[in-house]
PDB file of N, CA and C in Angstrom:
ATOM      1  N   MET A   1     -13.056-147.440 -87.221  1.00  0.00           N
ATOM      2  CA  MET A   1     -13.390-146.181 -87.176  1.00  0.00           C
ATOM      3  C   MET A   1     -14.770-145.249 -88.130  1.00  0.00           C
ATOM      4  N   ALA A   2     -15.510-144.764 -88.066  1.00  0.00           N
ATOM      5  CA  ALA A   2     -16.129-144.260 -89.489  1.00  0.00           C
ATOM      6  C   ALA A   2     -15.840-143.236 -89.196  1.00  0.00           C
ATOM      7  N   THR A   3     -15.987-142.535 -90.313  1.00  0.00           N
ATOM      8  CA  THR A   3     -15.722-141.316 -90.718  1.00  0.00           C
ATOM      9  C   THR A   3     -16.595-141.095 -91.264  1.00  0.00           C
ATOM     10  N   ILE A   4     -16.836-139.406 -91.133  1.00  0.00           N
ATOM     11  CA  ILE A   4     -18.212-138.766 -91.470  1.00  0.00           C
ATOM     12  C   ILE A   4     -17.549-137.396 -92.106  1.00  0.00           C
ATOM     13  N   SER A   5     -18.091-136.809 -93.167  1.00  0.00           N
ATOM     14  CA  SER A   5     -17.895-135.731 -93.458  1.00  0.00           C
ATOM     15  C   SER A   5     -19.113-134.927 -93.589  1.00  0.00           C
ATOM     16  N   ILE A   6     -19.108-133.611 -92.717  1.00  0.00           N
ATOM     17  CA  ILE A   6     -20.308-132.821 -92.820  1.00  0.00           C
ATOM     18  C   ILE A   6     -19.517-131.432 -92.969  1.00  0.00           C
ATOM     19  N   PRO A   7     -20.458-130.767 -93.900  1.00  0.00           N
ATOM     20  CA  PRO A   7     -20.111-129.458 -94.075  1.00  0.00           C
ATOM     21  C   PRO A   7     -20.370-128.442 -92.820  1.00  0.00           C
ATOM     22  N   LEU A   8     -19.706-127.127 -92.586  1.00  0.00           N
ATOM     23  CA  LEU A   8     -19.700-126.378 -91.818  1.00  0.00           C
ATOM     24  C   LEU A   8     -20.097-124.966 -92.381  1.00  0.00           C
ATOM     25  N   THR A   9     -20.566-123.980 -91.262  1.00  0.00           N
ATOM     26  CA  THR A   9     -20.858-123.156 -91.616  1.00  0.00           C
ATOM     27  C   THR A   9     -19.530-122.290 -92.015  1.00  0.00           C
ATOM     28  N   THR A  10     -19.220-120.996 -92.455  1.00  0.00           N
ATOM     29  CA  THR A  10     -17.798-120.346 -91.863  1.00  0.00           C
ATOM     30  C   THR A  10     -17.867-119.989 -90.589  1.00  0.00           C
ATOM     31  N   ARG A  11     -18.801-119.330 -89.918  1.00  0.00           N
ATOM     32  CA  ARG A  11     -18.724-119.297 -88.358  1.00  0.00           C
ATOM     33  C   ARG A  11     -18.691-120.582 -87.418  1.00  0.00           C
ATOM     34  N   LEU A  12     -18.668-121.680 -87.615  1.00  0.00           N
ATOM     35  CA  LEU A  12     -18.779-122.656 -87.508  1.00  0.00           C
ATOM     36  C   LEU A  12     -16.890-123.255 -87.172  1.00  0.00           C
ATOM     37  N   GLU A  13     -16.497-122.750 -88.573  1.00  0.00           N
ATOM     38  CA  GLU A  13     -15.096-123.446 -89.133  1.00  0.00           C
ATOM     39  C   GLU A  13     -14.375-122.545 -87.941  1.00  0.00           C
ATOM     40  N   LYS A  14     -14.466-121.593 -87.698  1.00  0.00           N
ATOM     41  CA  LYS A  14     -13.429-120.121 -87.464  1.00  0.00           C
ATOM     42  C   LYS A  14     -13.350-120.615 -85.882  1.00  0.00           C
ATOM     43  N   SER A  15     -15.057-121.136 -85.193  1.00  0.00           N
ATOM     44  CA  SER A  15     -15.079-121.251 -84.080  1.00  0.00           C
ATOM     45  C   SER A  15     -14.555-122.350 -83.701  1.00  0.00           C
ATOM     46  N   VAL A  16     -14.000-123.903 -84.787  1.00  0.00           N
ATOM     47  CA  VAL A  16     -13.383-124.476 -84.486  1.00  0.00           C
ATOM     48  C   VAL A  16     -12.106-124.240 -84.516  1.00  0.00           C
ATOM     49  N   ASP A  17     -11.583-123.624 -85.174  1.00  0.00           N
ATOM     50  CA  ASP A  17     -10.128-123.290 -85.546  1.00  0.00           C
ATOM     51  C   ASP A  17      -9.591-122.113 -84.187  1.00  0.00           C
ATOM     52  N   ASN A  18     -10.370-121.494 -83.488  1.00  0.00           N
ATOM     53  CA  ASN A  18     -10.144-120.665 -82.400  1.00  0.00           C
ATOM     54  C   ASN A  18      -9.906-121.905 -81.510  1.00  0.00           C
ATOM     55  N   LEU A  19     -11.052-122.983 -81.266  1.00  0.00           N
ATOM     56  CA  LEU A  19     -10.300-123.758 -80.119  1.00  0.00           C
ATOM     57  C   LEU A  19      -9.345-124.593 -79.824  1.00  0.00           C
ATOM     58  N   VAL A  20      -9.169-124.705 -81.402  1.00  0.00           N
ATOM     59  CA  VAL A  20      -7.462-125.676 -81.576  1.00  0.00           C
ATOM     60  C   VAL A  20      -6.606-124.545 -81.126  1.00  0.00           C
ATOM     61  N   LYS A  21      -6.532-122.961 -81.656  1.00  0.00           N
ATOM     62  CA  LYS A  21      -5.573-122.183 -81.015  1.00  0.00           C
ATOM     63  C   LYS A  21      -5.588-122.429 -79.835  1.00  0.00           C
ATOM     64  N   ASN A  22      -6.704-122.387 -79.052  1.00  0.00           N
ATOM     65  CA  ASN A  22      -6.801-121.998 -77.388  1.00  0.00           C
ATOM     66  C   ASN A  22      -6.362-123.400 -76.513  1.00  0.00           C
ATOM     67  N   GLY A  23      -6.116-124.272 -77.583  1.00  0.00           N
ATOM     68  CA  GLY A  23      -5.835-125.721 -76.697  1.00  0.00           C
ATOM     69  C   GLY A  23      -7.236-126.346 -76.265  1.00  0.00           C
ATOM     70  N   PHE A  24      -7.893-126.356 -77.412  1.00  0.00           N
ATOM     71  CA  PHE A  24      -8.870-127.186 -77.146  1.00  0.00           C
ATOM     72  C   PHE A  24      -8.630-129.126 -77.598  1.00  0.00           C
ATOM     73  N   GLY A  25      -8.036-128.348 -78.191  1.00  0.00           N
ATOM     74  CA  GLY A  25      -7.607-129.591 -79.523  1.00  0.00           C
ATOM     75  C   GLY A  25      -6.736-129.661 -79.811  1.00  0.00           C
ATOM     76  N   THR A  26      -6.036-130.737 -80.807  1.00  0.00           N
ATOM     77  CA  THR A  26      -4.669-130.465 -81.350  1.00  0.00           C
ATOM     78  C   THR A  26      -4.770-130.290 -82.722  1.00  0.00           C
ATOM     79  N   ASN A  27      -6.240-130.689 -83.568  1.00  0.00           N
ATOM     80  CA  ASN A  27      -6.605-130.306 -84.566  1.00  0.00           C
ATOM     81  C   ASN A  27      -8.150-130.259 -84.330  1.00  0.00           C
ATOM     82  N   LYS A  28      -8.775-129.697 -85.803  1.00  0.00           N
ATOM     83  CA  LYS A  28      -9.966-129.621 -85.910  1.00  0.00           C
ATOM     84  C   LYS A  28     -10.625-131.383 -85.352  1.00  0.00           C
ATOM     85  N   VAL A  29     -10.209-131.806 -86.028  1.00  0.00           N
ATOM     86  CA  VAL A  29     -10.485-133.708 -85.537  1.00  0.00           C
ATOM     87  C   VAL A  29     -10.893-133.275 -84.419  1.00  0.00           C
ATOM     88  N   SER A  30      -9.612-133.478 -83.344  1.00  0.00           N
ATOM     89  CA  SER A  30      -9.909-134.064 -82.303  1.00  0.00           C
ATOM     90  C   SER A  30     -10.837-132.694 -81.213  1.00  0.00           C
ATOM     91  N   VAL A  31     -10.907-131.532 -81.957  1.00  0.00           N
ATOM     92  CA  VAL A  31     -11.887-130.429 -81.422  1.00  0.00           C
ATOM     93  C   VAL A  31     -13.611-130.800 -81.852  1.00  0.00           C
ATOM     94  N   ILE A  32     -13.856-131.185 -82.863  1.00  0.00           N
ATOM     95  CA  ILE A  32     -14.977-131.744 -83.190  1.00  0.00           C
ATOM     96  C   ILE A  32     -15.408-133.120 -82.280  1.00  0.00           C
ATOM     97  N   HIS A  33     -14.351-133.718 -82.314  1.00  0.00           N
ATOM     98  CA  HIS A  33     -15.002-135.513 -81.551  1.00  0.00           C
ATOM     99  C   HIS A  33     -14.725-135.300 -80.344  1.00  0.00           C
ATOM    100  N   LYS A  34     -13.797-134.284 -79.611  1.00  0.00           N
ATOM    101  CA  LYS A  34     -13.978-134.038 -77.709  1.00  0.00           C
ATOM    102  C   LYS A  34     -15.448-133.569 -77.431  1.00  0.00           C
ATOM    103  N   ALA A  35     -15.864-132.206 -78.618  1.00  0.00           N
ATOM    104  CA  ALA A  35     -17.194-131.540 -78.580  1.00  0.00           C
ATOM    105  C   ALA A  35     -18.260-132.731 -78.417  1.00  0.00           C
ATOM    106  N   ILE A  36     -18.237-133.776 -79.596  1.00  0.00           N
ATOM    107  CA  ILE A  36     -19.126-134.559 -79.737  1.00  0.00           C
ATOM    108  C   ILE A  36     -19.599-135.197 -78.178  1.00  0.00           C
ATOM    109  N   VAL A  37     -18.232-136.162 -77.787  1.00  0.00           N
ATOM    110  CA  VAL A  37     -18.427-136.252 -76.578  1.00  0.00           C
ATOM    111  C   VAL A  37     -18.988-135.741 -74.885  1.00  0.00           C
ATOM    112  N   ARG A  38     -18.636-134.866 -75.344  1.00  0.00           N
ATOM    113  CA  ARG A  38     -18.664-133.739 -74.195  1.00  0.00           C
ATOM    114  C   ARG A  38     -20.411-133.612 -74.237  1.00  0.00           C
ATOM    115  N   PHE A  39     -20.879-133.596 -75.358  1.00  0.00           N
ATOM    116  CA  PHE A  39     -22.274-133.298 -75.490  1.00  0.00           C
ATOM    117  C   PHE A  39     -22.980-134.490 -75.268  1.00  0.00           C
ATOM    118  N   VAL A  40     -22.351-135.944 -75.303  1.00  0.00           N
ATOM    119  CA  VAL A  40     -23.111-137.138 -75.326  1.00  0.00           C
ATOM    120  C   VAL A  40     -23.116-137.867 -73.495  1.00  0.00           C
ATOM    121  N   GLU A  41     -21.974-136.473 -73.261  1.00  0.00           N
ATOM    122  CA  GLU A  41     -21.810-136.908 -71.755  1.00  0.00           C
ATOM    123  C   GLU A  41     -22.793-135.500 -70.515  1.00  0.00           C
ATOM    124  N   ASP A  42     -22.881-134.429 -71.456  1.00  0.00           N
ATOM    125  CA  ASP A  42     -23.995-133.614 -71.285  1.00  0.00           C
ATOM    126  C   ASP A  42     -25.370-134.032 -71.110  1.00  0.00           C
ATOM    127  N   GLU A  43     -25.858-134.494 -72.135  1.00  0.00           N
ATOM    128  CA  GLU A  43     -26.822-135.535 -72.266  1.00  0.00           C
ATOM    129  C   GLU A  43     -27.587-136.217 -71.578  1.00  0.00           C
ATOM    130  N   ALA A  44     -26.594-137.263 -71.339  1.00  0.00           N
ATOM    131  CA  ALA A  44     -26.746-137.864 -70.189  1.00  0.00           C
ATOM    132  C   ALA A  44     -26.901-137.344 -68.723  1.00  0.00           C
ATOM    133  N   VAL A  45     -25.975-136.468 -68.380  1.00  0.00           N
ATOM    134  CA  VAL A  45     -26.489-136.346 -67.306  1.00  0.00           C
ATOM    135  C   VAL A  45     -27.744-135.125 -66.789  1.00  0.00           C
ATOM    136  N   ILE A  46     -27.904-134.438 -68.107  1.00  0.00           N
ATOM    137  CA  ILE A  46     -29.576-134.129 -68.383  1.00  0.00           C
ATOM    138  C   ILE A  46     -30.309-135.179 -67.924  1.00  0.00           C
ATOM    139  N   ALA A  47     -30.563-136.211 -68.335  1.00  0.00           N
ATOM    140  CA  ALA A  47     -31.046-137.155 -68.177  1.00  0.00           C
ATOM    141  C   ALA A  47     -31.229-138.081 -66.610  1.00  0.00           C
ATOM    142  N   VAL A  48     -30.173-137.238 -65.881  1.00  0.00           N
ATOM    143  CA  VAL A  48     -29.927-138.209 -64.954  1.00  0.00           C
ATOM    144  C   VAL A  48     -30.615-137.440 -64.529  1.00  0.00           C
ATOM    145  N   LEU A  49     -31.018-135.901 -64.320  1.00  0.00           N
ATOM    146  CA  LEU A  49     -30.703-135.003 -63.595  1.00  0.00           C
ATOM    147  C   LEU A  49     -32.535-134.656 -63.545  1.00  0.00           C
ATOM    148  N   ALA A  50     -33.315-135.033 -65.074  1.00  0.00           N
ATOM    149  CA  ALA A  50     -34.628-134.716 -64.738  1.00  0.00           C
ATOM    150  C   ALA A  50     -34.791-136.460 -64.277  1.00  0.00           C
ATOM    151  N   ALA A  51     -34.805-137.505 -64.766  1.00  0.00           N
ATOM    152  CA  ALA A  51     -34.839-138.848 -63.433  1.00  0.00           C
ATOM    153  C   ALA A  51     -35.089-138.025 -62.106  1.00  0.00           C
ATOM    154  N   GLU A  52     -34.395-137.662 -61.291  1.00  0.00           N
ATOM    155  CA  GLU A  52     -34.046-137.489 -59.981  1.00  0.00           C
ATOM    156  C   GLU A  52     -35.146-136.396 -59.927  1.00  0.00           C
ATOM    157  N   GLN A  53     -35.253-135.407 -60.654  1.00  0.00           N
ATOM    158  CA  GLN A  53     -36.584-134.284 -60.579  1.00  0.00           C
ATOM    159  C   GLN A  53     -37.669-135.638 -60.787  1.00  0.00           C
ATOM    160  N   GLU A  54     -38.052-136.201 -61.317  1.00  0.00           N
ATOM    161  CA  GLU A  54     -39.545-136.825 -61.647  1.00  0.00           C
ATOM    162  C   GLU A  54     -39.452-137.841 -60.725  1.00  0.00           C
ATOM    163  N   ALA A  55     -38.330-138.596 -59.262  1.00  0.00           N
ATOM    164  CA  ALA A  55     -38.442-139.376 -58.934  1.00  0.00           C
ATOM    165  C   ALA A  55     -39.198-138.161 -57.170  1.00  0.00           C
ATOM    166  N   SER A  56     -38.227-136.988 -57.280  1.00  0.00           N
ATOM    167  CA  SER A  56     -38.679-136.469 -56.012  1.00  0.00           C
ATOM    168  C   SER A  56     -40.171-135.543 -56.784  1.00  0.00           C
ATOM    169  N   GLU A  57     -40.383-135.309 -57.677  1.00  0.00           N
ATOM    170  CA  GLU A  57     -42.079-135.143 -57.716  1.00  0.00           C
ATOM    171  C   GLU A  57     -43.042-136.724 -57.806  1.00  0.00           C
ATOM    172  N   GLY A  58     -42.586-137.631 -57.452  1.00  0.00           N
ATOM    173  CA  GLY A  58     -43.164-138.798 -56.960  1.00  0.00           C
ATOM    174  C   GLY A  58     -43.575-139.138 -58.218  1.00  0.00           C
ATOM    175  N   LYS A  59     -43.387-139.206 -59.370  1.00  0.00           N
ATOM    176  CA  LYS A  59     -43.597-139.670 -60.795  1.00  0.00           C
ATOM    177  C   LYS A  59     -42.441-141.099 -61.128  1.00  0.00           C
ATOM    178  N   ALA A  60     -41.554-141.005 -60.023  1.00  0.00           N
ATOM    179  CA  ALA A  60     -40.830-142.371 -60.386  1.00  0.00           C
ATOM    180  C   ALA A  60     -41.795-143.977 -60.874  1.00  0.00           C
ATOM    181  N   VAL A  61     -41.183-144.604 -61.579  1.00  0.00           N
ATOM    182  CA  VAL A  61     -41.768-146.080 -61.826  1.00  0.00           C
ATOM    183  C   VAL A  61     -41.054-146.778 -60.397  1.00  0.00           C
ATOM    184  N   LYS A  62     -42.087-147.707 -60.103  1.00  0.00           N
ATOM    185  CA  LYS A  62     -41.443-148.303 -58.851  1.00  0.00           C
ATOM    186  C   LYS A  62     -42.036-149.882 -58.723  1.00  0.00           C
ATOM    187  N   GLY A  63     -41.315-150.542 -58.329  1.00  0.00           N
ATOM    188  CA  GLY A  63     -41.341-152.327 -58.818  1.00  0.00           C
ATOM    189  C   GLY A  63     -40.180-153.470 -59.504  1.00  0.00           C
ATOM    190  N   ASP A  64     -40.555-154.366 -59.664  1.00  0.00           N
ATOM    191  CA  ASP A  64     -39.681-155.595 -60.097  1.00  0.00           C
ATOM    192  C   ASP A  64     -39.374-154.861 -61.546  1.00  0.00           C
ATOM    193  N   LEU A  65     -37.968-154.611 -62.367  1.00  0.00           N
ATOM    194  CA  LEU A  65     -37.829-154.055 -63.410  1.00  0.00           C
ATOM    195  C   LEU A  65     -38.323-154.883 -64.793  1.00  0.00           C
ATOM    196  N   LYS A  66     -38.003-156.214 -64.288  1.00  0.00           N
ATOM    197  CA  LYS A  66     -38.776-157.298 -65.008  1.00  0.00           C
ATOM    198  C   LYS A  66     -39.933-157.843 -65.179  1.00  0.00           C
ATOM    199  N   THR A  67     -40.802-156.984 -64.169  1.00  0.00           N
ATOM    200  CA  THR A  67     -42.334-157.263 -64.692  1.00  0.00           C
ATOM    201  C   THR A  67     -43.072-155.974 -65.092  1.00  0.00           C
ATOM    202  N   LEU A  68     -42.021-154.977 -65.041  1.00  0.00           N
ATOM    203  CA  LEU A  68     -42.537-153.663 -65.301  1.00  0.00           C
ATOM    204  C   LEU A  68     -42.118-153.687 -66.854  1.00  0.00           C
ATOM    205  N   LEU A  69     -41.113-154.371 -67.266  1.00  0.00           N
ATOM    206  CA  LEU A  69     -40.854-154.192 -68.899  1.00  0.00           C
ATOM    207  C   LEU A  69     -41.830-154.891 -69.710  1.00  0.00           C
ATOM    208  N   VAL A  70     -42.304-154.648 -70.854  1.00  0.00           N
ATOM    209  CA  VAL A  70     -43.207-155.567 -71.803  1.00  0.00           C
ATOM    210  C   VAL A  70     -42.710-155.213 -73.058  1.00  0.00           C
ATOM    211  N   TYR A  71     -42.291-156.281 -73.747  1.00  0.00           N
ATOM    212  CA  TYR A  71     -41.655-156.386 -75.039  1.00  0.00           C
ATOM    213  C   TYR A  71     -42.277-157.806 -75.454  1.00  0.00           C
ATOM    214  N   ASP A  72     -41.966-157.596 -77.217  1.00  0.00           N
ATOM    215  CA  ASP A  72     -42.653-158.578 -77.923  1.00  0.00           C
ATOM    216  C   ASP A  72     -40.869-159.879 -77.824  1.00  0.00           C
ATOM    217  N   GLN A  73     -40.981-160.764 -78.011  1.00  0.00           N
ATOM    218  CA  GLN A  73     -39.973-161.871 -78.373  1.00  0.00           C
ATOM    219  C   GLN A  73     -40.012-162.117 -79.677  1.00  0.00           C
TER     220      GLN A  73
END
């Protein structure tokens, strides 16, 4: 597991402290970890919703994925 050191503004640190006090996490590390997980999940949902929107607008790519995919080996 990697360890990353990041500077936080006073405002962000207070927000993290408040999240710990309100039970979002047991400590600052768990709050930040949960926030990153939630962000990644939210981004995945946004990507799916965008793809669904494009598909409903007829912008979806149709066909066999192997023939659509172009890459150098």
